[in-house]
Amino acid sequence: MLAGGAVGDSELYAYSAVWLVYALSLLAAALWTRIAALRYASLALLVLTVVKVFLIDMSALAGLYRVASFFGLGLALVGIGYLYQHYVLPRPPAARAEAGPP
């Protein structure tokens, strides 16, 4: 029944997960098509999702659930940073040669 009522914790977490997957899908589409507007939309949705997770979702968690949630969010953000570093904003070949081995 979709007639309102209280939103449960699992529903809030599901919204966060779906928004994160949607933001990653937009980022993948932006990398594939090289359309900057998709990349900006992906970043905007990602920022909204992270803010929602920190302000709403984390307030109800305690103990190991909070730790696991921070760990999962951190891994997602590190992965997105890796994608941006290697595919969106790659260093020119000359800068890579000067920097030495990774």
PDB file of N, CA and C in Angstrom:
ATOM      1  N   MET A   1       0.847  -1.168   0.000  1.00  0.00           N
ATOM      2  CA  MET A   1       0.000   0.000   0.000  1.00  0.00           C
ATOM      3  C   MET A   1       0.896   1.235   0.000  1.00  0.00           C
ATOM      4  N   LEU A   2       0.671   2.141  -0.894  1.00  0.00           N
ATOM      5  CA  LEU A   2       1.497   3.329  -1.037  1.00  0.00           C
ATOM      6  C   LEU A   2       0.827   4.582  -0.500  1.00  0.00           C
ATOM      7  N   ALA A   3      -0.032   4.429   0.490  1.00  0.00           N
ATOM      8  CA  ALA A   3      -0.820   5.550   0.985  1.00  0.00           C
ATOM      9  C   ALA A   3      -0.160   6.284   2.140  1.00  0.00           C
ATOM     10  N   GLY A   4       1.149   6.278   2.229  1.00  0.00           N
ATOM     11  CA  GLY A   4       1.820   7.047   3.273  1.00  0.00           C
ATOM     12  C   GLY A   4       2.199   6.183   4.460  1.00  0.00           C
ATOM     13  N   GLY A   5       2.453   6.845   5.543  1.00  0.00           N
ATOM     14  CA  GLY A   5       2.888   6.159   6.737  1.00  0.00           C
ATOM     15  C   GLY A   5       4.353   6.452   6.994  1.00  0.00           C
ATOM     16  N   ALA A   6       4.856   5.889   8.053  1.00  0.00           N
ATOM     17  CA  ALA A   6       6.249   6.110   8.427  1.00  0.00           C
ATOM     18  C   ALA A   6       7.182   5.360   7.483  1.00  0.00           C
ATOM     19  N   VAL A   7       8.304   5.979   7.218  1.00  0.00           N
ATOM     20  CA  VAL A   7       9.327   5.350   6.380  1.00  0.00           C
ATOM     21  C   VAL A   7      10.279   4.605   7.299  1.00  0.00           C
ATOM     22  N   GLY A   8      10.470   3.324   7.027  1.00  0.00           N
ATOM     23  CA  GLY A   8      11.357   2.510   7.852  1.00  0.00           C
ATOM     24  C   GLY A   8      12.816   2.706   7.487  1.00  0.00           C
ATOM     25  N   ASP A   9      13.688   2.229   8.383  1.00  0.00           N
ATOM     26  CA  ASP A   9      15.120   2.356   8.156  1.00  0.00           C
ATOM     27  C   ASP A   9      15.560   1.619   6.897  1.00  0.00           C
ATOM     28  N   SER A  10      15.036   0.428   6.691  1.00  0.00           N
ATOM     29  CA  SER A  10      15.453  -0.341   5.517  1.00  0.00           C
ATOM     30  C   SER A  10      15.054   0.365   4.222  1.00  0.00           C
ATOM     31  N   GLU A  11      13.928   1.054   4.234  1.00  0.00           N
ATOM     32  CA  GLU A  11      13.509   1.809   3.043  1.00  0.00           C
ATOM     33  C   GLU A  11      14.452   2.987   2.797  1.00  0.00           C
ATOM     34  N   LEU A  12      14.874   3.672   3.867  1.00  0.00           N
ATOM     35  CA  LEU A  12      15.824   4.768   3.716  1.00  0.00           C
ATOM     36  C   LEU A  12      17.150   4.272   3.166  1.00  0.00           C
ATOM     37  N   TYR A  13      17.627   3.119   3.667  1.00  0.00           N
ATOM     38  CA  TYR A  13      18.888   2.556   3.180  1.00  0.00           C
ATOM     39  C   TYR A  13      18.758   2.139   1.716  1.00  0.00           C
ATOM     40  N   ALA A  14      17.596   1.602   1.355  1.00  0.00           N
ATOM     41  CA  ALA A  14      17.375   1.194  -0.034  1.00  0.00           C
ATOM     42  C   ALA A  14      17.400   2.415  -0.951  1.00  0.00           C
ATOM     43  N   TYR A  15      16.803   3.526  -0.522  1.00  0.00           N
ATOM     44  CA  TYR A  15      16.867   4.750  -1.317  1.00  0.00           C
ATOM     45  C   TYR A  15      18.317   5.181  -1.523  1.00  0.00           C
ATOM     46  N   SER A  16      19.096   5.143  -0.462  1.00  0.00           N
ATOM     47  CA  SER A  16      20.503   5.543  -0.567  1.00  0.00           C
ATOM     48  C   SER A  16      21.253   4.636  -1.532  1.00  0.00           C
ATOM     49  N   ALA A  17      21.036   3.351  -1.427  1.00  0.00           N
ATOM     50  CA  ALA A  17      21.728   2.405  -2.307  1.00  0.00           C
ATOM     51  C   ALA A  17      21.329   2.611  -3.768  1.00  0.00           C
ATOM     52  N   VAL A  18      20.048   2.819  -4.009  1.00  0.00           N
ATOM     53  CA  VAL A  18      19.582   3.023  -5.380  1.00  0.00           C
ATOM     54  C   VAL A  18      20.115   4.342  -5.933  1.00  0.00           C
ATOM     55  N   TRP A  19      20.132   5.390  -5.128  1.00  0.00           N
ATOM     56  CA  TRP A  19      20.680   6.668  -5.592  1.00  0.00           C
ATOM     57  C   TRP A  19      22.161   6.533  -5.917  1.00  0.00           C
ATOM     58  N   LEU A  20      22.900   5.782  -5.084  1.00  0.00           N
ATOM     59  CA  LEU A  20      24.322   5.579  -5.332  1.00  0.00           C
ATOM     60  C   LEU A  20      24.542   4.804  -6.632  1.00  0.00           C
ATOM     61  N   VAL A  21      23.771   3.762  -6.846  1.00  0.00           N
ATOM     62  CA  VAL A  21      23.880   2.984  -8.085  1.00  0.00           C
ATOM     63  C   VAL A  21      23.507   3.847  -9.285  1.00  0.00           C
ATOM     64  N   TYR A  22      22.485   4.683  -9.146  1.00  0.00           N
ATOM     65  CA  TYR A  22      22.080   5.567 -10.239  1.00  0.00           C
ATOM     66  C   TYR A  22      23.184   6.587 -10.541  1.00  0.00           C
ATOM     67  N   ALA A  23      23.810   7.148  -9.501  1.00  0.00           N
ATOM     68  CA  ALA A  23      24.903   8.097  -9.706  1.00  0.00           C
ATOM     69  C   ALA A  23      26.073   7.418 -10.407  1.00  0.00           C
ATOM     70  N   LEU A  24      26.376   6.187 -10.025  1.00  0.00           N
ATOM     71  CA  LEU A  24      27.451   5.452 -10.685  1.00  0.00           C
ATOM     72  C   LEU A  24      27.094   5.113 -12.130  1.00  0.00           C
ATOM     73  N   SER A  25      25.828   4.831 -12.381  1.00  0.00           N
ATOM     74  CA  SER A  25      25.382   4.575 -13.758  1.00  0.00           C
ATOM     75  C   SER A  25      25.517   5.824 -14.617  1.00  0.00           C
ATOM     76  N   LEU A  26      25.154   6.976 -14.052  1.00  0.00           N
ATOM     77  CA  LEU A  26      25.336   8.228 -14.781  1.00  0.00           C
ATOM     78  C   LEU A  26      26.813   8.495 -15.054  1.00  0.00           C
ATOM     79  N   LEU A  27      27.667   8.189 -14.077  1.00  0.00           N
ATOM     80  CA  LEU A  27      29.101   8.379 -14.276  1.00  0.00           C
ATOM     81  C   LEU A  27      29.619   7.457 -15.370  1.00  0.00           C
ATOM     82  N   ALA A  28      29.170   6.209 -15.370  1.00  0.00           N
ATOM     83  CA  ALA A  28      29.582   5.279 -16.425  1.00  0.00           C
ATOM     84  C   ALA A  28      29.113   5.756 -17.793  1.00  0.00           C
ATOM     85  N   ALA A  29      27.891   6.245 -17.871  1.00  0.00           N
ATOM     86  CA  ALA A  29      27.382   6.778 -19.140  1.00  0.00           C
ATOM     87  C   ALA A  29      28.173   8.007 -19.560  1.00  0.00           C
ATOM     88  N   ALA A  30      28.559   8.843 -18.606  1.00  0.00           N
ATOM     89  CA  ALA A  30      29.351  10.035 -18.925  1.00  0.00           C
ATOM     90  C   ALA A  30      30.727   9.653 -19.427  1.00  0.00           C
ATOM     91  N   LEU A  31      31.339   8.638 -18.819  1.00  0.00           N
ATOM     92  CA  LEU A  31      32.650   8.193 -19.286  1.00  0.00           C
ATOM     93  C   LEU A  31      32.549   7.566 -20.665  1.00  0.00           C
ATOM     94  N   TRP A  32      31.465   6.854 -20.909  1.00  0.00           N
ATOM     95  CA  TRP A  32      31.281   6.166 -22.192  1.00  0.00           C
ATOM     96  C   TRP A  32      31.028   7.155 -23.326  1.00  0.00           C
ATOM     97  N   THR A  33      30.162   8.133 -23.069  1.00  0.00           N
ATOM     98  CA  THR A  33      29.761   9.075 -24.123  1.00  0.00           C
ATOM     99  C   THR A  33      30.561  10.375 -24.112  1.00  0.00           C
ATOM    100  N   ARG A  34      31.316  10.618 -23.035  1.00  0.00           N
ATOM    101  CA  ARG A  34      32.099  11.845 -22.863  1.00  0.00           C
ATOM    102  C   ARG A  34      31.210  13.098 -22.877  1.00  0.00           C
ATOM    103  N   ILE A  35      30.054  12.982 -22.237  1.00  0.00           N
ATOM    104  CA  ILE A  35      29.144  14.117 -22.105  1.00  0.00           C
ATOM    105  C   ILE A  35      29.320  14.691 -20.694  1.00  0.00           C
ATOM    106  N   ALA A  36      29.780  15.930 -20.644  1.00  0.00           N
ATOM    107  CA  ALA A  36      30.081  16.551 -19.357  1.00  0.00           C
ATOM    108  C   ALA A  36      28.830  16.740 -18.501  1.00  0.00           C
ATOM    109  N   ALA A  37      27.696  17.009 -19.125  1.00  0.00           N
ATOM    110  CA  ALA A  37      26.460  17.224 -18.355  1.00  0.00           C
ATOM    111  C   ALA A  37      26.084  15.974 -17.557  1.00  0.00           C
ATOM    112  N   LEU A  38      26.299  14.806 -18.120  1.00  0.00           N
ATOM    113  CA  LEU A  38      26.024  13.573 -17.376  1.00  0.00           C
ATOM    114  C   LEU A  38      26.965  13.438 -16.186  1.00  0.00           C
ATOM    115  N   ARG A  39      28.225  13.821 -16.385  1.00  0.00           N
ATOM    116  CA  ARG A  39      29.195  13.739 -15.297  1.00  0.00           C
ATOM    117  C   ARG A  39      28.808  14.682 -14.163  1.00  0.00           C
ATOM    118  N   TYR A  40      28.356  15.900 -14.519  1.00  0.00           N
ATOM    119  CA  TYR A  40      27.935  16.850 -13.488  1.00  0.00           C
ATOM    120  C   TYR A  40      26.674  16.375 -12.769  1.00  0.00           C
ATOM    121  N   ALA A  41      25.753  15.775 -13.506  1.00  0.00           N
ATOM    122  CA  ALA A  41      24.550  15.218 -12.885  1.00  0.00           C
ATOM    123  C   ALA A  41      24.922  14.086 -11.934  1.00  0.00           C
ATOM    124  N   SER A  42      25.882  13.265 -12.344  1.00  0.00           N
ATOM    125  CA  SER A  42      26.348  12.184 -11.489  1.00  0.00           C
ATOM    126  C   SER A  42      26.953  12.725 -10.200  1.00  0.00           C
ATOM    127  N   LEU A  43      27.776  13.760 -10.317  1.00  0.00           N
ATOM    128  CA  LEU A  43      28.382  14.353  -9.124  1.00  0.00           C
ATOM    129  C   LEU A  43      27.338  14.983  -8.214  1.00  0.00           C
ATOM    130  N   ALA A  44      26.368  15.664  -8.786  1.00  0.00           N
ATOM    131  CA  ALA A  44      25.319  16.292  -7.974  1.00  0.00           C
ATOM    132  C   ALA A  44      24.528  15.234  -7.208  1.00  0.00           C
ATOM    133  N   LEU A  45      24.150  14.161  -7.893  1.00  0.00           N
ATOM    134  CA  LEU A  45      23.399  13.096  -7.235  1.00  0.00           C
ATOM    135  C   LEU A  45      24.255  12.392  -6.181  1.00  0.00           C
ATOM    136  N   LEU A  46      25.534  12.235  -6.458  1.00  0.00           N
ATOM    137  CA  LEU A  46      26.435  11.611  -5.491  1.00  0.00           C
ATOM    138  C   LEU A  46      26.563  12.464  -4.238  1.00  0.00           C
ATOM    139  N   VAL A  47      26.695  13.767  -4.406  1.00  0.00           N
ATOM    140  CA  VAL A  47      26.792  14.663  -3.245  1.00  0.00           C
ATOM    141  C   VAL A  47      25.499  14.612  -2.422  1.00  0.00           C
ATOM    142  N   LEU A  48      24.357  14.646  -3.095  1.00  0.00           N
ATOM    143  CA  LEU A  48      23.086  14.540  -2.375  1.00  0.00           C
ATOM    144  C   LEU A  48      22.975  13.226  -1.615  1.00  0.00           C
ATOM    145  N   THR A  49      23.429  12.151  -2.225  1.00  0.00           N
ATOM    146  CA  THR A  49      23.368  10.840  -1.570  1.00  0.00           C
ATOM    147  C   THR A  49      24.271  10.800  -0.351  1.00  0.00           C
ATOM    148  N   VAL A  50      25.483  11.320  -0.469  1.00  0.00           N
ATOM    149  CA  VAL A  50      26.411  11.322   0.667  1.00  0.00           C
ATOM    150  C   VAL A  50      25.857  12.174   1.803  1.00  0.00           C
ATOM    151  N   VAL A  51      25.288  13.329   1.477  1.00  0.00           N
ATOM    152  CA  VAL A  51      24.694  14.177   2.516  1.00  0.00           C
ATOM    153  C   VAL A  51      23.534  13.449   3.193  1.00  0.00           C
ATOM    154  N   LYS A  52      22.694  12.784   2.405  1.00  0.00           N
ATOM    155  CA  LYS A  52      21.577  12.026   2.976  1.00  0.00           C
ATOM    156  C   LYS A  52      22.075  10.924   3.897  1.00  0.00           C
ATOM    157  N   VAL A  53      23.113  10.210   3.466  1.00  0.00           N
ATOM    158  CA  VAL A  53      23.642   9.117   4.292  1.00  0.00           C
ATOM    159  C   VAL A  53      24.171   9.650   5.607  1.00  0.00           C
ATOM    160  N   PHE A  54      24.928  10.738   5.565  1.00  0.00           N
ATOM    161  CA  PHE A  54      25.498  11.270   6.802  1.00  0.00           C
ATOM    162  C   PHE A  54      24.442  11.879   7.712  1.00  0.00           C
ATOM    163  N   LEU A  55      23.491  12.606   7.163  1.00  0.00           N
ATOM    164  CA  LEU A  55      22.534  13.313   8.017  1.00  0.00           C
ATOM    165  C   LEU A  55      21.347  12.463   8.454  1.00  0.00           C
ATOM    166  N   ILE A  56      20.876  11.574   7.602  1.00  0.00           N
ATOM    167  CA  ILE A  56      19.656  10.838   7.921  1.00  0.00           C
ATOM    168  C   ILE A  56      19.948   9.386   8.286  1.00  0.00           C
ATOM    169  N   ASP A  57      20.650   8.690   7.412  1.00  0.00           N
ATOM    170  CA  ASP A  57      20.847   7.255   7.622  1.00  0.00           C
ATOM    171  C   ASP A  57      21.738   6.953   8.828  1.00  0.00           C
ATOM    172  N   MET A  58      22.795   7.716   9.010  1.00  0.00           N
ATOM    173  CA  MET A  58      23.732   7.435  10.100  1.00  0.00           C
ATOM    174  C   MET A  58      23.150   7.755  11.473  1.00  0.00           C
ATOM    175  N   SER A  59      22.152   8.603  11.521  1.00  0.00           N
ATOM    176  CA  SER A  59      21.592   8.968  12.819  1.00  0.00           C
ATOM    177  C   SER A  59      20.891   7.793  13.491  1.00  0.00           C
ATOM    178  N   ALA A  60      20.405   6.850  12.717  1.00  0.00           N
ATOM    179  CA  ALA A  60      19.681   5.716  13.287  1.00  0.00           C
ATOM    180  C   ALA A  60      20.576   4.511  13.560  1.00  0.00           C
ATOM    181  N   LEU A  61      21.816   4.545  13.077  1.00  0.00           N
ATOM    182  CA  LEU A  61      22.699   3.391  13.235  1.00  0.00           C
ATOM    183  C   LEU A  61      23.569   3.535  14.470  1.00  0.00           C
ATOM    184  N   ALA A  62      23.980   2.395  15.007  1.00  0.00           N
ATOM    185  CA  ALA A  62      24.895   2.383  16.140  1.00  0.00           C
ATOM    186  C   ALA A  62      25.807   1.167  16.022  1.00  0.00           C
ATOM    187  N   GLY A  63      26.942   1.257  16.653  1.00  0.00           N
ATOM    188  CA  GLY A  63      27.849   0.123  16.731  1.00  0.00           C
ATOM    189  C   GLY A  63      28.448  -0.280  15.397  1.00  0.00           C
ATOM    190  N   LEU A  64      28.478  -1.594  15.177  1.00  0.00           N
ATOM    191  CA  LEU A  64      29.112  -2.143  13.979  1.00  0.00           C
ATOM    192  C   LEU A  64      28.362  -1.793  12.700  1.00  0.00           C
ATOM    193  N   TYR A  65      27.056  -1.575  12.795  1.00  0.00           N
ATOM    194  CA  TYR A  65      26.308  -1.174  11.604  1.00  0.00           C
ATOM    195  C   TYR A  65      26.778   0.196  11.100  1.00  0.00           C
ATOM    196  N   ARG A  66      27.035   1.100  12.027  1.00  0.00           N
ATOM    197  CA  ARG A  66      27.532   2.423  11.646  1.00  0.00           C
ATOM    198  C   ARG A  66      28.930   2.305  11.041  1.00  0.00           C
ATOM    199  N   VAL A  67      29.772   1.476  11.632  1.00  0.00           N
ATOM    200  CA  VAL A  67      31.128   1.266  11.109  1.00  0.00           C
ATOM    201  C   VAL A  67      31.060   0.679   9.699  1.00  0.00           C
ATOM    202  N   ALA A  68      30.222  -0.331   9.509  1.00  0.00           N
ATOM    203  CA  ALA A  68      30.102  -0.961   8.190  1.00  0.00           C
ATOM    204  C   ALA A  68      29.558   0.018   7.161  1.00  0.00           C
ATOM    205  N   SER A  69      28.630   0.858   7.564  1.00  0.00           N
ATOM    206  CA  SER A  69      28.069   1.829   6.647  1.00  0.00           C
ATOM    207  C   SER A  69      29.114   2.872   6.241  1.00  0.00           C
ATOM    208  N   PHE A  70      29.882   3.376   7.202  1.00  0.00           N
ATOM    209  CA  PHE A  70      30.961   4.307   6.872  1.00  0.00           C
ATOM    210  C   PHE A  70      32.000   3.647   5.975  1.00  0.00           C
ATOM    211  N   PHE A  71      32.320   2.390   6.255  1.00  0.00           N
ATOM    212  CA  PHE A  71      33.302   1.664   5.457  1.00  0.00           C
ATOM    213  C   PHE A  71      32.813   1.489   4.023  1.00  0.00           C
ATOM    214  N   GLY A  72      31.557   1.111   3.851  1.00  0.00           N
ATOM    215  CA  GLY A  72      31.000   0.941   2.509  1.00  0.00           C
ATOM    216  C   GLY A  72      30.943   2.251   1.743  1.00  0.00           C
ATOM    217  N   LEU A  73      30.529   3.316   2.421  1.00  0.00           N
ATOM    218  CA  LEU A  73      30.484   4.625   1.781  1.00  0.00           C
ATOM    219  C   LEU A  73      31.889   5.090   1.420  1.00  0.00           C
ATOM    220  N   GLY A  74      32.842   4.848   2.298  1.00  0.00           N
ATOM    221  CA  GLY A  74      34.229   5.217   2.018  1.00  0.00           C
ATOM    222  C   GLY A  74      34.785   4.473   0.816  1.00  0.00           C
ATOM    223  N   LEU A  75      34.505   3.179   0.723  1.00  0.00           N
ATOM    224  CA  LEU A  75      34.961   2.411  -0.436  1.00  0.00           C
ATOM    225  C   LEU A  75      34.347   2.929  -1.727  1.00  0.00           C
ATOM    226  N   ALA A  76      33.072   3.271  -1.691  1.00  0.00           N
ATOM    227  CA  ALA A  76      32.421   3.811  -2.887  1.00  0.00           C
ATOM    228  C   ALA A  76      33.058   5.140  -3.299  1.00  0.00           C
ATOM    229  N   LEU A  77      33.345   5.999  -2.336  1.00  0.00           N
ATOM    230  CA  LEU A  77      33.950   7.289  -2.659  1.00  0.00           C
ATOM    231  C   LEU A  77      35.380   7.141  -3.163  1.00  0.00           C
ATOM    232  N   VAL A  78      36.137   6.215  -2.591  1.00  0.00           N
ATOM    233  CA  VAL A  78      37.499   5.961  -3.081  1.00  0.00           C
ATOM    234  C   VAL A  78      37.447   5.411  -4.502  1.00  0.00           C
ATOM    235  N   GLY A  79      36.501   4.514  -4.778  1.00  0.00           N
ATOM    236  CA  GLY A  79      36.354   3.972  -6.125  1.00  0.00           C
ATOM    237  C   GLY A  79      35.998   5.043  -7.141  1.00  0.00           C
ATOM    238  N   ILE A  80      35.119   5.956  -6.763  1.00  0.00           N
ATOM    239  CA  ILE A  80      34.745   7.044  -7.662  1.00  0.00           C
ATOM    240  C   ILE A  80      35.937   7.981  -7.873  1.00  0.00           C
ATOM    241  N   GLY A  81      36.695   8.236  -6.830  1.00  0.00           N
ATOM    242  CA  GLY A  81      37.903   9.046  -6.976  1.00  0.00           C
ATOM    243  C   GLY A  81      38.902   8.398  -7.921  1.00  0.00           C
ATOM    244  N   TYR A  82      39.031   7.079  -7.834  1.00  0.00           N
ATOM    245  CA  TYR A  82      39.919   6.345  -8.739  1.00  0.00           C
ATOM    246  C   TYR A  82      39.455   6.486 -10.190  1.00  0.00           C
ATOM    247  N   LEU A  83      38.144   6.344 -10.419  1.00  0.00           N
ATOM    248  CA  LEU A  83      37.615   6.499 -11.774  1.00  0.00           C
ATOM    249  C   LEU A  83      37.893   7.890 -12.324  1.00  0.00           C
ATOM    250  N   TYR A  84      37.678   8.895 -11.490  1.00  0.00           N
ATOM    251  CA  TYR A  84      37.929  10.261 -11.943  1.00  0.00           C
ATOM    252  C   TYR A  84      39.406  10.474 -12.247  1.00  0.00           C
ATOM    253  N   GLN A  85      40.283   9.964 -11.391  1.00  0.00           N
ATOM    254  CA  GLN A  85      41.713  10.174 -11.574  1.00  0.00           C
ATOM    255  C   GLN A  85      42.224   9.506 -12.844  1.00  0.00           C
ATOM    256  N   HIS A  86      41.709   8.355 -13.169  1.00  0.00           N
ATOM    257  CA  HIS A  86      42.243   7.600 -14.304  1.00  0.00           C
ATOM    258  C   HIS A  86      41.488   7.799 -15.606  1.00  0.00           C
ATOM    259  N   TYR A  87      40.208   8.164 -15.550  1.00  0.00           N
ATOM    260  CA  TYR A  87      39.430   8.240 -16.775  1.00  0.00           C
ATOM    261  C   TYR A  87      38.909   9.632 -17.107  1.00  0.00           C
ATOM    262  N   VAL A  88      38.627  10.436 -16.102  1.00  0.00           N
ATOM    263  CA  VAL A  88      38.073  11.767 -16.367  1.00  0.00           C
ATOM    264  C   VAL A  88      39.186  12.807 -16.441  1.00  0.00           C
ATOM    265  N   LEU A  89      40.089  12.772 -15.498  1.00  0.00           N
ATOM    266  CA  LEU A  89      41.166  13.758 -15.424  1.00  0.00           C
ATOM    267  C   LEU A  89      42.530  13.083 -15.470  1.00  0.00           C
ATOM    268  N   PRO A  90      42.845  12.341 -16.528  1.00  0.00           N
ATOM    269  CA  PRO A  90      44.145  11.658 -16.559  1.00  0.00           C
ATOM    270  C   PRO A  90      45.275  12.667 -16.747  1.00  0.00           C
ATOM    271  N   ARG A  91      46.437  12.325 -16.188  1.00  0.00           N
ATOM    272  CA  ARG A  91      47.614  13.168 -16.368  1.00  0.00           C
ATOM    273  C   ARG A  91      48.144  12.982 -17.782  1.00  0.00           C
ATOM    274  N   PRO A  92      48.735  14.034 -18.357  1.00  0.00           N
ATOM    275  CA  PRO A  92      49.340  13.877 -19.674  1.00  0.00           C
ATOM    276  C   PRO A  92      50.531  12.923 -19.605  1.00  0.00           C
ATOM    277  N   PRO A  93      50.886  12.275 -20.720  1.00  0.00           N
ATOM    278  CA  PRO A  93      51.992  11.308 -20.707  1.00  0.00           C
ATOM    279  C   PRO A  93      53.302  11.905 -20.214  1.00  0.00           C
ATOM    280  N   ALA A  94      53.595  13.162 -20.528  1.00  0.00           N
ATOM    281  CA  ALA A  94      54.830  13.775 -20.086  1.00  0.00           C
ATOM    282  C   ALA A  94      54.867  13.891 -18.564  1.00  0.00           C
ATOM    283  N   ALA A  95      53.749  14.217 -17.943  1.00  0.00           N
ATOM    284  CA  ALA A  95      53.701  14.332 -16.481  1.00  0.00           C
ATOM    285  C   ALA A  95      53.857  12.971 -15.832  1.00  0.00           C
ATOM    286  N   ARG A  96      53.336  11.912 -16.467  1.00  0.00           N
ATOM    287  CA  ARG A  96      53.495  10.566 -15.916  1.00  0.00           C
ATOM    288  C   ARG A  96      54.951  10.129 -15.971  1.00  0.00           C
ATOM    289  N   ALA A  97      55.664  10.480 -17.049  1.00  0.00           N
ATOM    290  CA  ALA A  97      57.063  10.092 -17.184  1.00  0.00           C
ATOM    291  C   ALA A  97      57.926  10.802 -16.151  1.00  0.00           C
ATOM    292  N   GLU A  98      57.610  12.058 -15.850  1.00  0.00           N
ATOM    293  CA  GLU A  98      58.378  12.809 -14.853  1.00  0.00           C
ATOM    294  C   GLU A  98      58.128  12.327 -13.439  1.00  0.00           C
ATOM    295  N   ALA A  99      56.930  11.849 -13.181  1.00  0.00           N
ATOM    296  CA  ALA A  99      56.561  11.430 -11.846  1.00  0.00           C
ATOM    297  C   ALA A  99      57.218  10.106 -11.465  1.00  0.00           C
ATOM    298  N   GLY A 100      57.607   9.314 -12.407  1.00  0.00           N
ATOM    299  CA  GLY A 100      58.219   8.025 -12.116  1.00  0.00           C
ATOM    300  C   GLY A 100      57.191   6.949 -11.984  1.00  0.00           C
ATOM    301  N   PRO A 101      57.621   5.759 -11.525  1.00  0.00           N
ATOM    302  CA  PRO A 101      56.672   4.634 -11.416  1.00  0.00           C
ATOM    303  C   PRO A 101      55.651   4.893 -10.327  1.00  0.00           C
ATOM    304  N   PRO A 102      54.446   4.344 -10.488  1.00  0.00           N
ATOM    305  CA  PRO A 102      53.374   4.581  -9.495  1.00  0.00           C
ATOM    306  C   PRO A 102      53.617   3.936  -8.184  1.00  0.00           C
TER     307      PRO A 102
END
